[in-house]
């Protein structure tokens, strides 16, 4: 089941499966927000925006509107 990056919960890891390259800033793509990479939600700011992720061993802050442009699949828990 696919979700948007903005829909995962703190501590969950998800595999990026699709990115809307028309809406995502190039810098975010350069930092590894690409299909095939793993994203983990670390924290959400007090007013719900931005989200803080670890992607490719980088800590990245992503606004909710941008996180809505990334499709993910939750990593299976052991």
C-alpha atoms as a PDB file:
ATOM      1  CA  UNK A   1       0.000   0.000   0.000  1.00  0.00           C
ATOM      2  CA  UNK A   2       1.508   3.305  -1.022  1.00  0.00           C
ATOM      3  CA  UNK A   3       1.355   6.441   1.092  1.00  0.00           C
ATOM      4  CA  UNK A   4       2.547   9.993   0.821  1.00  0.00           C
ATOM      5  CA  UNK A   5       5.733  10.858   2.684  1.00  0.00           C
ATOM      6  CA  UNK A   6       3.673  13.237   4.840  1.00  0.00           C
ATOM      7  CA  UNK A   7       1.483  10.335   6.039  1.00  0.00           C
ATOM      8  CA  UNK A   8       4.105   8.182   7.771  1.00  0.00           C
ATOM      9  CA  UNK A   9       4.443   8.284  11.561  1.00  0.00           C
ATOM     10  CA  UNK A  10       7.457   9.205  13.681  1.00  0.00           C
ATOM     11  CA  UNK A  11       9.936   6.336  13.748  1.00  0.00           C
ATOM     12  CA  UNK A  12       8.557   4.640  10.638  1.00  0.00           C
ATOM     13  CA  UNK A  13      10.819   3.916   7.694  1.00  0.00           C
ATOM     14  CA  UNK A  14       9.532   3.993   4.142  1.00  0.00           C
ATOM     15  CA  UNK A  15      10.964   3.261   0.725  1.00  0.00           C
ATOM     16  CA  UNK A  16      10.570   6.100  -1.758  1.00  0.00           C
ATOM     17  CA  UNK A  17       8.839   4.730  -4.868  1.00  0.00           C
ATOM     18  CA  UNK A  18       7.920   7.882  -6.817  1.00  0.00           C
ATOM     19  CA  UNK A  19       8.756  11.577  -6.774  1.00  0.00           C
ATOM     20  CA  UNK A  20       6.988  14.385  -8.619  1.00  0.00           C
ATOM     21  CA  UNK A  21      10.120  15.997 -10.075  1.00  0.00           C
ATOM     22  CA  UNK A  22       8.083  18.967 -11.325  1.00  0.00           C
ATOM     23  CA  UNK A  23       7.275  20.040  -7.737  1.00  0.00           C
ATOM     24  CA  UNK A  24      10.360  18.888  -5.774  1.00  0.00           C
ATOM     25  CA  UNK A  25      13.294  21.325  -5.416  1.00  0.00           C
ATOM     26  CA  UNK A  26      16.453  20.121  -7.176  1.00  0.00           C
ATOM     27  CA  UNK A  27      18.454  20.395  -3.929  1.00  0.00           C
ATOM     28  CA  UNK A  28      16.177  17.811  -2.295  1.00  0.00           C
ATOM     29  CA  UNK A  29      16.730  15.423  -5.196  1.00  0.00           C
ATOM     30  CA  UNK A  30      20.493  15.951  -4.904  1.00  0.00           C
ATOM     31  CA  UNK A  31      20.302  15.070  -1.200  1.00  0.00           C
ATOM     32  CA  UNK A  32      18.839  11.666  -2.051  1.00  0.00           C
ATOM     33  CA  UNK A  33      15.079  12.091  -2.107  1.00  0.00           C
ATOM     34  CA  UNK A  34      14.873   9.665  -5.016  1.00  0.00           C
ATOM     35  CA  UNK A  35      13.070   6.388  -5.728  1.00  0.00           C
ATOM     36  CA  UNK A  36      14.836   3.441  -4.113  1.00  0.00           C
ATOM     37  CA  UNK A  37      16.078   5.358  -1.065  1.00  0.00           C
ATOM     38  CA  UNK A  38      14.845   4.878   2.484  1.00  0.00           C
ATOM     39  CA  UNK A  39      13.278   7.740   4.470  1.00  0.00           C
ATOM     40  CA  UNK A  40      12.699   7.726   8.237  1.00  0.00           C
ATOM     41  CA  UNK A  41      10.525  10.335   9.958  1.00  0.00           C
ATOM     42  CA  UNK A  42      12.439  11.678  12.960  1.00  0.00           C
ATOM     43  CA  UNK A  43      10.317  14.601  14.140  1.00  0.00           C
ATOM     44  CA  UNK A  44       7.478  16.943  13.198  1.00  0.00           C
ATOM     45  CA  UNK A  45       7.757  20.632  14.068  1.00  0.00           C
ATOM     46  CA  UNK A  46       5.352  21.954  16.748  1.00  0.00           C
ATOM     47  CA  UNK A  47       2.815  23.407  14.310  1.00  0.00           C
ATOM     48  CA  UNK A  48       2.928  20.367  12.018  1.00  0.00           C
ATOM     49  CA  UNK A  49       5.315  21.759   9.421  1.00  0.00           C
ATOM     50  CA  UNK A  50       8.107  21.020   8.464  1.00  0.00           C
ATOM     51  CA  UNK A  51       8.873  17.326   8.841  1.00  0.00           C
ATOM     52  CA  UNK A  52      12.384  16.130   9.722  1.00  0.00           C
ATOM     53  CA  UNK A  53      13.603  13.013   7.916  1.00  0.00           C
ATOM     54  CA  UNK A  54      16.747  10.967   7.594  1.00  0.00           C
ATOM     55  CA  UNK A  55      17.271  10.181   3.915  1.00  0.00           C
ATOM     56  CA  UNK A  56      20.553   8.637   2.732  1.00  0.00           C
ATOM     57  CA  UNK A  57      22.199   9.406   6.097  1.00  0.00           C
ATOM     58  CA  UNK A  58      21.306  13.098   5.690  1.00  0.00           C
ATOM     59  CA  UNK A  59      18.951  14.985   7.986  1.00  0.00           C
ATOM     60  CA  UNK A  60      16.453  16.857   5.847  1.00  0.00           C
ATOM     61  CA  UNK A  61      13.621  19.250   6.733  1.00  0.00           C
ATOM     62  CA  UNK A  62      10.780  19.013   4.231  1.00  0.00           C
ATOM     63  CA  UNK A  63       7.626  21.115   4.137  1.00  0.00           C
ATOM     64  CA  UNK A  64       4.337  19.241   4.173  1.00  0.00           C
ATOM     65  CA  UNK A  65       3.403  20.489   0.697  1.00  0.00           C
ATOM     66  CA  UNK A  66       6.625  18.998  -0.694  1.00  0.00           C
ATOM     67  CA  UNK A  67       6.255  15.761   1.308  1.00  0.00           C
ATOM     68  CA  UNK A  68       2.851  15.369  -0.383  1.00  0.00           C
ATOM     69  CA  UNK A  69       4.682  15.026  -3.724  1.00  0.00           C
ATOM     70  CA  UNK A  70       6.653  11.924  -2.640  1.00  0.00           C
ATOM     71  CA  UNK A  71       5.073   8.469  -2.735  1.00  0.00           C
ATOM     72  CA  UNK A  72       6.421   5.803  -0.371  1.00  0.00           C
ATOM     73  CA  UNK A  73       5.818   2.231   0.774  1.00  0.00           C
ATOM     74  CA  UNK A  74       6.320   1.388   4.439  1.00  0.00           C
ATOM     75  CA  UNK A  75       9.277  -0.860   5.200  1.00  0.00           C
ATOM     76  CA  UNK A  76       8.177  -4.188   6.614  1.00  0.00           C
ATOM     77  CA  UNK A  77       8.784  -4.594  10.330  1.00  0.00           C
ATOM     78  CA  UNK A  78      10.505  -7.789  11.532  1.00  0.00           C
END
